[in-house]
């Protein structure tokens, strides 16, 4: 069961993709969760985007805590790359506004400028926990 409130308040998702040699590639990413899907802005030159273009199976984890309380969500899913520039800039801007007060900040502008695709993840199997 996906704990939507928890997922919408957290800031880092760890995304695992599979490279061309069958090895996992794990990276922390910023994200937005909406409409039962995760959205991650990136560049088509990144390993995660290249991996997804060849194998759309992914794994993800969002968790917090070292000792009580410990909360988390993890799952597997199918990913696709959205490359339509207008859609990419719109979603990327929404993602960045979770982390910046304004898209006018230099870091936000730079990230937005370098984002040329969005990873859309449709979860298939999800597990959550609270201890």
N, C-alpha and C. Protein backbone atom coordinates (compact mmCIF):
# COMPACT_ATOMS: atom_id res chain seq x y z
N UNK A 1 0.85 -1.19 0.00
CA UNK A 1 0.00 0.00 0.00
C UNK A 1 0.89 1.25 0.00
N UNK A 2 0.63 2.14 -0.89
CA UNK A 2 1.42 3.37 -0.98
C UNK A 2 0.83 4.41 -0.03
N UNK A 3 1.66 4.91 0.85
CA UNK A 3 1.23 5.93 1.82
C UNK A 3 1.41 7.29 1.15
N UNK A 4 0.34 7.77 0.51
CA UNK A 4 0.43 9.00 -0.30
C UNK A 4 0.87 10.22 0.52
N UNK A 5 0.34 10.40 1.70
CA UNK A 5 0.71 11.57 2.51
C UNK A 5 2.21 11.55 2.81
N UNK A 6 2.73 10.39 3.18
CA UNK A 6 4.15 10.25 3.46
C UNK A 6 4.98 10.56 2.21
N UNK A 7 4.62 9.97 1.08
CA UNK A 7 5.36 10.15 -0.17
C UNK A 7 5.36 11.62 -0.60
N UNK A 8 4.26 12.30 -0.39
CA UNK A 8 4.15 13.70 -0.82
C UNK A 8 4.92 14.66 0.09
N UNK A 9 5.29 14.23 1.30
CA UNK A 9 6.01 15.11 2.20
C UNK A 9 7.52 14.86 2.20
N UNK A 10 7.96 13.74 1.70
CA UNK A 10 9.39 13.43 1.68
C UNK A 10 10.06 14.12 0.49
N UNK A 11 11.38 14.20 0.51
CA UNK A 11 12.11 14.96 -0.51
C UNK A 11 13.04 14.14 -1.39
N UNK A 12 13.42 12.94 -0.96
CA UNK A 12 14.39 12.16 -1.74
C UNK A 12 13.86 10.75 -2.00
N UNK A 13 13.92 10.36 -3.25
CA UNK A 13 13.56 9.02 -3.69
C UNK A 13 14.83 8.38 -4.21
N UNK A 14 15.10 7.16 -3.79
CA UNK A 14 16.23 6.42 -4.35
C UNK A 14 15.70 5.57 -5.49
N UNK A 15 16.29 5.77 -6.65
CA UNK A 15 15.84 5.12 -7.88
C UNK A 15 16.90 4.14 -8.36
N UNK A 16 16.49 2.90 -8.58
CA UNK A 16 17.39 1.88 -9.12
C UNK A 16 16.95 1.52 -10.54
N UNK A 17 17.92 1.57 -11.44
CA UNK A 17 17.72 1.13 -12.82
C UNK A 17 18.73 0.02 -13.10
N UNK A 18 18.61 -0.61 -14.25
CA UNK A 18 19.52 -1.69 -14.62
C UNK A 18 20.31 -1.26 -15.85
N UNK A 19 21.64 -1.37 -15.76
CA UNK A 19 22.45 -0.95 -16.89
C UNK A 19 22.55 -2.05 -17.96
N UNK A 20 23.26 -1.77 -19.04
CA UNK A 20 23.33 -2.69 -20.18
C UNK A 20 24.04 -4.00 -19.83
N UNK A 21 24.79 -4.02 -18.73
CA UNK A 21 25.47 -5.25 -18.30
C UNK A 21 24.67 -6.01 -17.25
N UNK A 22 23.46 -5.51 -16.95
CA UNK A 22 22.60 -6.16 -15.97
C UNK A 22 22.89 -5.78 -14.54
N UNK A 23 23.71 -4.75 -14.35
CA UNK A 23 24.06 -4.30 -13.01
C UNK A 23 23.12 -3.18 -12.55
N UNK A 24 22.78 -3.17 -11.25
CA UNK A 24 21.92 -2.10 -10.75
C UNK A 24 22.68 -0.78 -10.67
N UNK A 25 21.95 0.29 -10.88
CA UNK A 25 22.48 1.65 -10.76
C UNK A 25 21.51 2.38 -9.85
N UNK A 26 21.99 2.83 -8.68
CA UNK A 26 21.13 3.43 -7.66
C UNK A 26 21.51 4.89 -7.45
N UNK A 27 20.52 5.79 -7.52
CA UNK A 27 20.78 7.22 -7.34
C UNK A 27 19.66 7.88 -6.53
N UNK A 28 20.02 8.85 -5.70
CA UNK A 28 19.00 9.65 -5.01
C UNK A 28 18.53 10.74 -5.97
N UNK A 29 17.23 10.97 -6.01
CA UNK A 29 16.66 11.96 -6.93
C UNK A 29 15.57 12.77 -6.24
N UNK A 30 15.37 13.98 -6.76
CA UNK A 30 14.21 14.78 -6.39
C UNK A 30 13.04 14.32 -7.23
N UNK A 31 11.83 14.47 -6.71
CA UNK A 31 10.68 13.93 -7.41
C UNK A 31 9.40 14.68 -7.05
N UNK A 32 8.37 14.33 -7.79
CA UNK A 32 7.01 14.79 -7.49
C UNK A 32 6.12 13.57 -7.66
N UNK A 33 5.15 13.42 -6.76
CA UNK A 33 4.20 12.32 -6.85
C UNK A 33 2.82 12.90 -7.10
N UNK A 34 2.21 12.50 -8.19
CA UNK A 34 0.87 12.98 -8.52
C UNK A 34 0.18 11.95 -9.41
N UNK A 35 -1.11 11.77 -9.17
CA UNK A 35 -1.89 10.86 -10.01
C UNK A 35 -1.39 9.43 -10.01
N UNK A 36 -0.93 8.96 -8.85
CA UNK A 36 -0.44 7.58 -8.67
C UNK A 36 0.87 7.31 -9.40
N UNK A 37 1.57 8.37 -9.82
CA UNK A 37 2.84 8.20 -10.53
C UNK A 37 3.90 9.12 -9.94
N UNK A 38 5.15 8.71 -10.12
CA UNK A 38 6.30 9.51 -9.72
C UNK A 38 6.88 10.17 -10.95
N UNK A 39 7.34 11.41 -10.78
CA UNK A 39 7.97 12.16 -11.88
C UNK A 39 9.32 12.67 -11.40
N UNK A 40 10.34 12.46 -12.23
CA UNK A 40 11.71 12.83 -11.91
C UNK A 40 12.30 13.55 -13.11
N UNK A 41 12.81 14.74 -12.88
CA UNK A 41 13.46 15.47 -13.96
C UNK A 41 14.91 15.04 -14.10
N UNK A 42 15.38 14.93 -15.34
CA UNK A 42 16.77 14.55 -15.57
C UNK A 42 17.19 14.96 -16.97
N UNK A 43 18.33 14.47 -17.37
CA UNK A 43 18.85 14.74 -18.70
C UNK A 43 19.03 13.40 -19.40
N UNK A 44 18.78 13.36 -20.68
CA UNK A 44 18.88 12.10 -21.44
C UNK A 44 20.29 11.52 -21.42
N UNK A 45 21.29 12.32 -21.05
CA UNK A 45 22.68 11.83 -21.02
C UNK A 45 23.02 11.10 -19.72
N UNK A 46 22.14 11.17 -18.71
CA UNK A 46 22.43 10.51 -17.43
C UNK A 46 22.30 9.00 -17.57
N UNK A 47 22.99 8.30 -16.69
CA UNK A 47 22.94 6.84 -16.70
C UNK A 47 21.51 6.33 -16.47
N UNK A 48 20.80 6.98 -15.56
CA UNK A 48 19.44 6.51 -15.27
C UNK A 48 18.53 6.61 -16.49
N UNK A 49 18.64 7.71 -17.22
CA UNK A 49 17.81 7.87 -18.43
C UNK A 49 18.24 6.89 -19.52
N UNK A 50 19.53 6.72 -19.70
CA UNK A 50 20.01 5.76 -20.71
C UNK A 50 19.56 4.35 -20.35
N UNK A 51 19.65 4.00 -19.07
CA UNK A 51 19.23 2.67 -18.63
C UNK A 51 17.75 2.44 -18.88
N UNK A 52 16.92 3.42 -18.56
CA UNK A 52 15.46 3.29 -18.73
C UNK A 52 15.11 3.18 -20.21
N UNK A 53 15.87 3.86 -21.06
CA UNK A 53 15.56 3.76 -22.50
C UNK A 53 15.78 2.35 -23.03
N UNK A 54 16.59 1.55 -22.32
CA UNK A 54 16.86 0.17 -22.75
C UNK A 54 16.09 -0.87 -21.94
N UNK A 55 15.77 -0.52 -20.68
CA UNK A 55 15.06 -1.45 -19.79
C UNK A 55 14.20 -0.60 -18.86
N UNK A 56 12.90 -0.68 -19.03
CA UNK A 56 12.00 0.22 -18.28
C UNK A 56 11.65 -0.27 -16.87
N UNK A 57 12.22 -1.37 -16.44
CA UNK A 57 11.94 -1.88 -15.09
C UNK A 57 12.78 -1.11 -14.08
N UNK A 58 12.14 -0.60 -13.03
CA UNK A 58 12.84 0.16 -12.00
C UNK A 58 12.40 -0.29 -10.61
N UNK A 59 13.17 0.14 -9.63
CA UNK A 59 12.85 -0.07 -8.23
C UNK A 59 13.06 1.27 -7.53
N UNK A 60 12.28 1.55 -6.50
CA UNK A 60 12.42 2.82 -5.80
C UNK A 60 12.21 2.62 -4.30
N UNK A 61 12.75 3.57 -3.53
CA UNK A 61 12.59 3.55 -2.08
C UNK A 61 12.59 4.98 -1.56
N UNK A 62 11.65 5.26 -0.67
CA UNK A 62 11.58 6.52 0.06
C UNK A 62 11.46 6.13 1.52
N UNK A 63 12.41 6.57 2.35
CA UNK A 63 12.32 6.19 3.75
C UNK A 63 12.91 7.26 4.65
N UNK A 64 12.57 7.18 5.91
CA UNK A 64 13.05 8.15 6.90
C UNK A 64 13.12 7.46 8.26
N UNK A 65 14.12 7.85 9.03
CA UNK A 65 14.24 7.34 10.39
C UNK A 65 15.34 6.33 10.55
N UNK A 66 15.91 6.33 11.75
CA UNK A 66 16.94 5.36 12.10
C UNK A 66 16.40 4.45 13.21
N UNK A 67 15.60 5.04 14.07
CA UNK A 67 14.95 4.29 15.13
C UNK A 67 13.62 4.97 15.38
N UNK A 68 12.68 4.29 15.90
CA UNK A 68 11.29 4.67 16.08
C UNK A 68 11.08 6.20 16.09
N UNK A 69 10.29 6.75 15.19
CA UNK A 69 9.60 6.02 14.13
C UNK A 69 10.47 5.83 12.87
N UNK A 70 10.21 4.74 12.20
CA UNK A 70 10.84 4.44 10.92
C UNK A 70 9.70 4.25 9.93
N UNK A 71 9.72 5.04 8.87
CA UNK A 71 8.67 4.96 7.86
C UNK A 71 9.30 4.79 6.49
N UNK A 72 8.60 4.11 5.62
CA UNK A 72 9.12 3.99 4.27
C UNK A 72 8.13 3.40 3.29
N UNK A 73 8.48 3.58 2.05
CA UNK A 73 7.73 3.02 0.93
C UNK A 73 8.76 2.54 -0.08
N UNK A 74 8.59 1.35 -0.58
CA UNK A 74 9.46 0.88 -1.65
C UNK A 74 8.60 0.11 -2.64
N UNK A 75 9.10 0.02 -3.85
CA UNK A 75 8.34 -0.70 -4.84
C UNK A 75 9.09 -0.89 -6.14
N UNK A 76 8.41 -1.59 -7.02
CA UNK A 76 8.90 -1.78 -8.37
C UNK A 76 7.91 -1.13 -9.31
N UNK A 77 8.38 -0.84 -10.51
CA UNK A 77 7.47 -0.21 -11.46
C UNK A 77 8.04 -0.18 -12.86
N UNK A 78 7.25 0.40 -13.73
CA UNK A 78 7.64 0.60 -15.12
C UNK A 78 7.87 2.09 -15.33
N UNK A 79 8.97 2.41 -16.00
CA UNK A 79 9.31 3.80 -16.24
C UNK A 79 9.27 4.10 -17.74
N UNK A 80 9.04 5.37 -18.04
CA UNK A 80 9.14 5.82 -19.42
C UNK A 80 9.72 7.22 -19.40
N UNK A 81 10.35 7.58 -20.50
CA UNK A 81 10.93 8.91 -20.63
C UNK A 81 9.98 9.80 -21.40
N UNK A 82 9.64 10.94 -20.82
CA UNK A 82 8.83 11.95 -21.50
C UNK A 82 9.82 12.97 -22.04
N UNK A 83 9.77 13.21 -23.36
CA UNK A 83 10.76 14.11 -23.97
C UNK A 83 10.14 15.34 -24.63
N UNK A 84 8.82 15.45 -24.63
CA UNK A 84 8.17 16.61 -25.21
C UNK A 84 8.58 17.85 -24.41
N UNK A 85 9.26 18.80 -25.06
CA UNK A 85 9.88 19.93 -24.37
C UNK A 85 8.90 20.73 -23.51
N UNK A 86 7.72 20.97 -24.01
CA UNK A 86 6.73 21.77 -23.27
C UNK A 86 6.30 21.03 -21.99
N UNK A 87 6.03 19.74 -22.12
CA UNK A 87 5.63 18.93 -20.96
C UNK A 87 6.79 18.81 -19.98
N UNK A 88 8.00 18.59 -20.50
CA UNK A 88 9.18 18.45 -19.65
C UNK A 88 9.39 19.69 -18.80
N UNK A 89 9.37 20.86 -19.42
CA UNK A 89 9.62 22.10 -18.68
C UNK A 89 8.53 22.36 -17.63
N UNK A 90 7.29 22.03 -17.96
CA UNK A 90 6.19 22.23 -17.02
C UNK A 90 6.36 21.33 -15.79
N UNK A 91 6.58 20.03 -16.01
CA UNK A 91 6.72 19.09 -14.90
C UNK A 91 8.01 19.36 -14.13
N UNK A 92 9.10 19.64 -14.84
CA UNK A 92 10.38 19.93 -14.17
C UNK A 92 10.24 21.15 -13.26
N UNK A 93 9.54 22.16 -13.72
CA UNK A 93 9.31 23.34 -12.90
C UNK A 93 8.53 23.01 -11.64
N UNK A 94 7.52 22.15 -11.77
CA UNK A 94 6.73 21.74 -10.61
C UNK A 94 7.59 20.97 -9.61
N UNK A 95 8.45 20.10 -10.13
CA UNK A 95 9.34 19.34 -9.25
C UNK A 95 10.27 20.30 -8.51
N UNK A 96 10.91 21.19 -9.24
CA UNK A 96 11.88 22.11 -8.63
C UNK A 96 11.25 23.02 -7.58
N UNK A 97 9.98 23.36 -7.76
CA UNK A 97 9.32 24.21 -6.77
C UNK A 97 9.08 23.50 -5.44
N UNK A 98 9.28 22.20 -5.39
CA UNK A 98 9.25 21.48 -4.11
C UNK A 98 10.52 21.75 -3.31
N UNK A 99 11.57 22.21 -3.99
CA UNK A 99 12.89 22.35 -3.37
C UNK A 99 13.42 23.78 -3.35
N UNK A 100 12.87 24.63 -4.22
CA UNK A 100 13.27 26.03 -4.29
C UNK A 100 12.05 26.91 -4.07
N UNK A 101 12.27 28.10 -3.50
CA UNK A 101 11.16 29.04 -3.31
C UNK A 101 10.73 29.64 -4.63
N UNK A 102 11.66 29.72 -5.58
CA UNK A 102 11.37 30.34 -6.86
C UNK A 102 12.23 29.71 -7.94
N UNK A 103 11.70 29.67 -9.16
CA UNK A 103 12.47 29.18 -10.29
C UNK A 103 13.44 30.24 -10.81
N UNK A 104 13.42 31.41 -10.17
CA UNK A 104 14.32 32.49 -10.56
C UNK A 104 15.70 32.36 -9.91
N UNK A 105 15.81 31.50 -8.91
CA UNK A 105 17.10 31.28 -8.28
C UNK A 105 18.06 30.64 -9.28
N UNK A 106 19.33 31.01 -9.23
CA UNK A 106 20.30 30.53 -10.21
C UNK A 106 20.36 29.00 -10.29
N UNK A 107 20.41 28.33 -9.16
CA UNK A 107 20.48 26.87 -9.16
C UNK A 107 19.25 26.26 -9.81
N UNK A 108 18.08 26.80 -9.51
CA UNK A 108 16.84 26.31 -10.10
C UNK A 108 16.84 26.53 -11.61
N UNK A 109 17.27 27.71 -12.03
CA UNK A 109 17.35 28.01 -13.47
C UNK A 109 18.28 27.04 -14.18
N UNK A 110 19.45 26.81 -13.59
CA UNK A 110 20.43 25.90 -14.18
C UNK A 110 19.87 24.48 -14.31
N UNK A 111 19.24 24.01 -13.24
CA UNK A 111 18.66 22.67 -13.28
C UNK A 111 17.56 22.57 -14.32
N UNK A 112 16.70 23.56 -14.38
CA UNK A 112 15.61 23.56 -15.35
C UNK A 112 16.16 23.56 -16.78
N UNK A 113 17.18 24.37 -17.00
CA UNK A 113 17.79 24.46 -18.32
C UNK A 113 18.41 23.13 -18.76
N UNK A 114 18.98 22.38 -17.80
CA UNK A 114 19.64 21.11 -18.13
C UNK A 114 18.70 19.90 -18.14
N UNK A 115 17.44 20.12 -17.80
CA UNK A 115 16.47 19.03 -17.80
C UNK A 115 15.84 18.92 -19.18
N UNK A 116 16.08 17.79 -19.85
CA UNK A 116 15.50 17.60 -21.18
C UNK A 116 14.57 16.38 -21.27
N UNK A 117 14.35 15.73 -20.12
CA UNK A 117 13.37 14.65 -20.10
C UNK A 117 12.86 14.45 -18.67
N UNK A 118 11.73 13.81 -18.59
CA UNK A 118 11.11 13.46 -17.30
C UNK A 118 10.97 11.95 -17.27
N UNK A 119 11.38 11.37 -16.15
CA UNK A 119 11.13 9.95 -15.93
C UNK A 119 9.77 9.84 -15.24
N UNK A 120 8.87 9.10 -15.85
CA UNK A 120 7.56 8.84 -15.25
C UNK A 120 7.54 7.39 -14.80
N UNK A 121 7.30 7.17 -13.52
CA UNK A 121 7.26 5.82 -12.97
C UNK A 121 5.83 5.46 -12.59
N UNK A 122 5.37 4.35 -13.13
CA UNK A 122 4.08 3.80 -12.75
C UNK A 122 4.36 2.61 -11.84
N UNK A 123 4.07 2.75 -10.54
CA UNK A 123 4.33 1.64 -9.62
C UNK A 123 3.50 0.41 -9.97
N UNK A 124 4.12 -0.76 -9.81
CA UNK A 124 3.45 -2.03 -10.05
C UNK A 124 3.20 -2.75 -8.72
N UNK A 125 4.24 -2.81 -7.90
CA UNK A 125 4.14 -3.44 -6.58
C UNK A 125 4.74 -2.49 -5.56
N UNK A 126 4.02 -2.25 -4.47
CA UNK A 126 4.48 -1.30 -3.46
C UNK A 126 4.33 -1.92 -2.07
N UNK A 127 5.33 -1.68 -1.24
CA UNK A 127 5.32 -2.11 0.16
C UNK A 127 5.60 -0.87 1.02
N UNK A 128 4.92 -0.77 2.15
CA UNK A 128 5.22 0.35 3.05
C UNK A 128 5.36 -0.17 4.47
N UNK A 129 6.00 0.64 5.32
CA UNK A 129 6.19 0.24 6.70
C UNK A 129 6.19 1.45 7.62
N UNK A 130 5.87 1.16 8.88
CA UNK A 130 5.90 2.16 9.96
C UNK A 130 6.20 1.41 11.26
N UNK A 131 7.31 1.75 11.88
CA UNK A 131 7.69 1.11 13.16
C UNK A 131 7.98 2.18 14.19
